[in-house]
């Protein structure tokens, strides 16, 4: 890979441009000139036709979850046939089918840190997922890139990825939504409350389409039914004043999260 085109100059796209531009020739496409204004050491494109002469080796689609396929359809006619296309989408539902018919080699990945929660200046210990079905050359590029950032890598197929996201994101997202829905006041002295409040505020600072896209993952509903069932069990213990059942529950929970009883 020598020439990289990044679609979308939002938080993730701008971070990618900044991170890659010293090692590769990088161009960024975005229709909003304000988003392109402060990019360093990159070509800046506002019209798809400008991409024709650039001839990238790799397109990284860093647009929002809702715009991923739309951006591909807009830009693919301006790419050389040998270009590898890629996405960073948090939910892959529908992308496998799209890739199978698009005529381009592809690589699909998911950097799990995100620009809101992750410290993008120090990503050691964070995670990234690479989709197994991806093109070998594309996978090699992203393996090297992510490992250079200190990320821990996982490989899943498209279905395994979305099932994992339903577990790892839909459950905590839903918990934060319920916490926020029950909010009555922000000034509470408890440390636990402040930690939960900080998490909820970080979550709700994300783009609405990202949040809804993750929750609308077709595997999320089953996880929410699990939450509903566990809450029902907890309510039953409280209504019956069953302290021993609560203690047994606490011990099971400690095992679930890797704590010694």
Protein backbone atom coordinates (compact mmCIF):
# COMPACT_ATOMS: atom_id res chain seq x y z
CA UNK A 1 0.00 0.00 0.00
CA UNK A 2 1.33 3.42 -0.95
CA UNK A 3 -1.70 5.64 -1.52
CA UNK A 4 -4.64 5.66 0.89
CA UNK A 5 -7.96 7.43 0.49
CA UNK A 6 -10.04 8.05 3.62
CA UNK A 7 -13.75 8.72 3.14
CA UNK A 8 -15.12 10.93 5.91
CA UNK A 9 -13.25 13.59 7.92
CA UNK A 10 -15.07 13.06 11.20
CA UNK A 11 -13.31 12.11 14.41
CA UNK A 12 -12.25 8.66 13.22
CA UNK A 13 -11.35 9.76 9.69
CA UNK A 14 -9.29 12.71 10.94
CA UNK A 15 -7.48 10.50 13.43
CA UNK A 16 -6.68 7.96 10.69
CA UNK A 17 -5.35 10.71 8.43
CA UNK A 18 -3.15 12.08 11.19
CA UNK A 19 -1.88 8.60 12.09
CA UNK A 20 -1.18 7.39 8.55
CA UNK A 21 0.00 10.52 6.74
CA UNK A 22 3.66 10.30 7.80
CA UNK A 23 4.05 6.76 6.45
CA UNK A 24 1.78 6.82 3.41
CA UNK A 25 0.47 9.20 0.81
CA UNK A 26 -2.99 10.05 2.19
CA UNK A 27 -6.01 11.81 0.76
CA UNK A 28 -9.28 12.56 2.59
CA UNK A 29 -12.65 12.97 0.92
CA UNK A 30 -15.44 14.91 2.59
CA UNK A 31 -18.01 17.33 1.20
CA UNK A 32 -17.74 19.59 4.26
CA UNK A 33 -14.80 22.00 3.80
CA UNK A 34 -14.74 22.80 7.53
CA UNK A 35 -13.89 19.18 8.35
CA UNK A 36 -10.99 19.22 5.89
CA UNK A 37 -9.65 22.59 7.04
CA UNK A 38 -7.09 21.47 9.63
CA UNK A 39 -5.87 18.19 8.13
CA UNK A 40 -2.08 17.92 8.00
CA UNK A 41 0.04 16.51 5.16
CA UNK A 42 -2.91 15.15 3.17
CA UNK A 43 -4.68 15.78 -0.10
CA UNK A 44 -8.18 17.10 0.46
CA UNK A 45 -11.00 16.19 -1.92
CA UNK A 46 -14.53 17.57 -1.91
CA UNK A 47 -15.78 16.02 -5.15
CA UNK A 48 -15.65 12.33 -6.10
CA UNK A 49 -14.25 13.19 -9.55
CA UNK A 50 -11.06 14.47 -7.88
CA UNK A 51 -10.31 10.88 -6.87
CA UNK A 52 -9.96 9.71 -10.50
CA UNK A 53 -6.42 11.02 -10.88
CA UNK A 54 -5.34 10.04 -7.36
CA UNK A 55 -5.76 6.27 -7.94
CA UNK A 56 -5.58 4.99 -4.33
CA UNK A 57 -4.42 1.50 -3.41
CA UNK A 58 -6.77 1.40 -0.41
CA UNK A 59 -10.03 3.13 0.43
CA UNK A 60 -10.84 3.33 4.15
CA UNK A 61 -14.51 4.17 4.60
CA UNK A 62 -14.67 6.12 7.87
CA UNK A 63 -18.14 7.55 7.36
CA UNK A 64 -20.93 6.97 9.88
CA UNK A 65 -22.65 3.63 10.16
CA UNK A 66 -25.69 4.80 8.22
CA UNK A 67 -23.59 6.22 5.35
CA UNK A 68 -21.20 3.30 4.84
CA UNK A 69 -22.81 1.69 1.80
CA UNK A 70 -23.87 5.06 0.37
CA UNK A 71 -20.26 6.27 0.48
CA UNK A 72 -19.04 3.12 -1.24
CA UNK A 73 -21.58 3.49 -4.02
CA UNK A 74 -20.58 7.11 -4.53
CA UNK A 75 -16.83 6.49 -4.63
CA UNK A 76 -16.34 3.06 -6.22
CA UNK A 77 -16.82 4.37 -9.79
CA UNK A 78 -13.78 6.61 -9.20
CA UNK A 79 -11.44 3.89 -7.94
CA UNK A 80 -8.96 1.80 -9.95
CA UNK A 81 -9.93 -1.89 -10.23
CA UNK A 82 -7.00 -3.01 -8.06
CA UNK A 83 -8.00 -0.79 -5.13
CA UNK A 84 -8.95 -2.58 -1.93
CA UNK A 85 -11.98 -1.12 -0.17
CA UNK A 86 -12.49 -1.27 3.58
CA UNK A 87 -14.93 -0.32 6.33
CA UNK A 88 -14.69 0.26 10.07
CA UNK A 89 -18.38 -0.33 10.78
CA UNK A 90 -19.46 -1.30 14.30
CA UNK A 91 -22.17 -3.59 12.90
CA UNK A 92 -21.52 -5.63 9.74
CA UNK A 93 -25.09 -6.67 8.98
CA UNK A 94 -25.60 -6.40 5.21
CA UNK A 95 -21.97 -5.63 4.36
CA UNK A 96 -21.06 -9.23 3.52
CA UNK A 97 -23.74 -9.27 0.82
CA UNK A 98 -22.68 -5.86 -0.46
CA UNK A 99 -19.03 -6.86 -0.73
CA UNK A 100 -19.86 -10.09 -2.57
CA UNK A 101 -21.41 -8.10 -5.41
CA UNK A 102 -19.29 -4.94 -5.55
CA UNK A 103 -16.46 -6.27 -7.72
CA UNK A 104 -13.64 -5.04 -5.45
CA UNK A 105 -11.39 -6.83 -3.00
CA UNK A 106 -12.28 -5.78 0.52
CA UNK A 107 -11.14 -5.83 4.12
CA UNK A 108 -13.57 -5.25 6.97
CA UNK A 109 -12.32 -4.33 10.44
CA UNK A 110 -13.63 -2.81 13.64
CA UNK A 111 -11.33 -0.76 15.92
CA UNK A 112 -13.07 -1.25 19.24
CA UNK A 113 -11.74 1.80 21.05
CA UNK A 114 -13.64 4.57 19.21
CA UNK A 115 -12.64 8.24 19.35
CA UNK A 116 -14.91 9.07 22.30
CA UNK A 117 -13.92 6.54 24.95
CA UNK A 118 -10.47 5.52 23.79
CA UNK A 119 -7.35 7.56 24.48
CA UNK A 120 -6.25 7.74 20.86
CA UNK A 121 -2.79 8.92 21.92
CA UNK A 122 -2.17 5.67 23.81
CA UNK A 123 -4.13 2.67 22.55
CA UNK A 124 -2.07 -0.10 24.12
CA UNK A 125 -4.41 -2.74 25.54
CA UNK A 126 -7.32 -1.75 23.29
CA UNK A 127 -8.82 -4.21 20.81
CA UNK A 128 -9.59 -4.49 17.11
CA UNK A 129 -11.48 -7.07 15.06
CA UNK A 130 -10.57 -8.17 11.54
CA UNK A 131 -13.18 -10.08 9.53
CA UNK A 132 -11.92 -13.50 8.43
CA UNK A 133 -13.38 -13.36 4.93
CA UNK A 134 -11.34 -10.24 4.07
CA UNK A 135 -8.72 -10.09 1.33
CA UNK A 136 -5.31 -11.36 2.55
CA UNK A 137 -3.42 -8.25 1.43
CA UNK A 138 -5.95 -6.02 3.15
CA UNK A 139 -5.78 -8.09 6.34
CA UNK A 140 -2.00 -7.87 6.34
CA UNK A 141 -2.13 -4.07 6.10
CA UNK A 142 -4.55 -3.70 9.01
CA UNK A 143 -2.75 -6.30 11.14
CA UNK A 144 0.46 -4.30 10.80
CA UNK A 145 -1.34 -1.00 11.39
CA UNK A 146 -3.26 -2.13 14.48
CA UNK A 147 -0.32 -4.01 15.99
CA UNK A 148 1.82 -0.90 15.52
CA UNK A 149 -0.69 0.90 17.75
CA UNK A 150 -0.44 -1.80 20.42
CA UNK A 151 -3.92 -3.20 19.80
CA UNK A 152 -4.89 -6.78 20.56
CA UNK A 153 -6.36 -8.41 17.45
CA UNK A 154 -9.25 -10.83 17.02
CA UNK A 155 -10.50 -12.49 13.84
CA UNK A 156 -14.21 -13.27 13.47
CA UNK A 157 -16.46 -13.92 10.52
CA UNK A 158 -19.27 -11.48 9.79
CA UNK A 159 -21.85 -13.30 11.93
CA UNK A 160 -19.48 -13.87 14.84
CA UNK A 161 -18.58 -10.17 14.79
CA UNK A 162 -22.16 -8.97 15.10
CA UNK A 163 -22.94 -11.55 17.79
CA UNK A 164 -19.90 -10.38 19.75
CA UNK A 165 -20.93 -6.73 19.36
CA UNK A 166 -24.42 -7.53 20.64
CA UNK A 167 -22.78 -8.95 23.76
CA UNK A 168 -19.97 -6.45 24.26
CA UNK A 169 -21.74 -3.22 23.26
CA UNK A 170 -25.52 -3.68 23.29
CA UNK A 171 -25.56 -4.87 26.92
CA UNK A 172 -23.52 -1.95 28.38
CA UNK A 173 -25.25 0.52 26.06
CA UNK A 174 -28.66 -0.66 27.26
CA UNK A 175 -27.54 -0.51 30.88
CA UNK A 176 -26.42 3.10 30.43
CA UNK A 177 -29.70 3.98 28.72
CA UNK A 178 -31.70 2.54 31.62
CA UNK A 179 -29.48 4.38 34.11
CA UNK A 180 -30.05 7.65 32.24
CA UNK A 181 -33.79 7.03 31.93
CA UNK A 182 -34.03 6.77 35.74
CA UNK A 183 -32.00 9.96 36.31
CA UNK A 184 -33.52 12.51 38.70
CA UNK A 185 -30.54 14.61 39.73
CA UNK A 186 -26.93 14.98 38.69
CA UNK A 187 -25.42 15.98 42.02
CA UNK A 188 -25.15 12.79 44.07
CA UNK A 189 -22.18 12.21 46.41
CA UNK A 190 -21.69 8.51 45.66
CA UNK A 191 -18.52 7.50 43.78
CA UNK A 192 -20.31 4.62 42.02
CA UNK A 193 -22.99 7.01 40.82
CA UNK A 194 -20.38 9.39 39.40
CA UNK A 195 -18.64 6.57 37.54
CA UNK A 196 -21.91 5.46 35.96
CA UNK A 197 -22.80 9.06 35.14
CA UNK A 198 -19.47 9.58 33.38
CA UNK A 199 -19.98 6.43 31.30
CA UNK A 200 -23.54 7.46 30.37
CA UNK A 201 -22.44 10.96 29.38
CA UNK A 202 -19.65 9.56 27.21
CA UNK A 203 -22.05 7.14 25.55
CA UNK A 204 -24.70 9.76 24.83
CA UNK A 205 -22.11 12.10 23.32
CA UNK A 206 -21.81 9.61 20.45
CA UNK A 207 -23.62 10.06 17.14
CA UNK A 208 -27.28 8.96 17.27
CA UNK A 209 -26.87 6.81 14.17
CA UNK A 210 -23.95 4.96 15.75
CA UNK A 211 -25.92 4.27 18.93
CA UNK A 212 -29.08 3.21 17.13
CA UNK A 213 -27.11 1.15 14.61
CA UNK A 214 -25.47 -0.87 17.37
CA UNK A 215 -28.75 -1.37 19.22
CA UNK A 216 -30.56 -2.32 16.00
CA UNK A 217 -28.04 -5.09 15.39
CA UNK A 218 -30.34 -8.09 14.88
CA UNK A 219 -28.60 -9.98 17.69
CA UNK A 220 -29.19 -7.23 20.28
CA UNK A 221 -32.80 -8.07 21.12
CA UNK A 222 -31.91 -11.49 22.53
CA UNK A 223 -29.40 -9.83 24.85
CA UNK A 224 -32.01 -7.36 26.06
CA UNK A 225 -34.40 -10.22 26.81
CA UNK A 226 -31.62 -11.73 28.94
CA UNK A 227 -31.35 -8.44 30.84
CA UNK A 228 -35.13 -8.39 31.30
CA UNK A 229 -35.07 -11.94 32.67
CA UNK A 230 -32.23 -11.18 35.12
CA UNK A 231 -33.99 -8.02 36.32
CA UNK A 232 -37.17 -9.99 36.86
CA UNK A 233 -35.24 -12.48 39.01
CA UNK A 234 -33.70 -9.65 41.03
CA UNK A 235 -37.08 -7.99 41.58
CA UNK A 236 -38.47 -11.29 42.80
CA UNK A 237 -35.65 -11.62 45.37
CA UNK A 238 -36.25 -8.08 46.60
CA UNK A 239 -40.00 -8.46 46.86
CA UNK A 240 -39.54 -11.60 48.95
CA UNK A 241 -36.76 -10.09 51.06
CA UNK A 242 -34.58 -13.10 50.22
CA UNK A 243 -31.15 -12.11 51.50
CA UNK A 244 -29.63 -15.55 50.97
CA UNK A 245 -30.72 -15.56 47.34
CA UNK A 246 -29.06 -12.16 46.93
CA UNK A 247 -25.83 -13.44 48.47
CA UNK A 248 -25.88 -16.46 46.17
CA UNK A 249 -26.45 -14.11 43.24
CA UNK A 250 -23.51 -11.91 44.25
CA UNK A 251 -21.23 -14.95 44.34
CA UNK A 252 -22.38 -16.08 40.88
CA UNK A 253 -21.81 -12.57 39.54
CA UNK A 254 -18.28 -12.46 40.96
CA UNK A 255 -17.55 -15.66 39.08
CA UNK A 256 -19.07 -14.23 35.90
CA UNK A 257 -16.71 -11.25 35.93
CA UNK A 258 -13.60 -13.17 36.96
CA UNK A 259 -13.50 -12.28 40.66
CA UNK A 260 -12.62 -14.77 43.37
CA UNK A 261 -15.51 -15.58 45.71
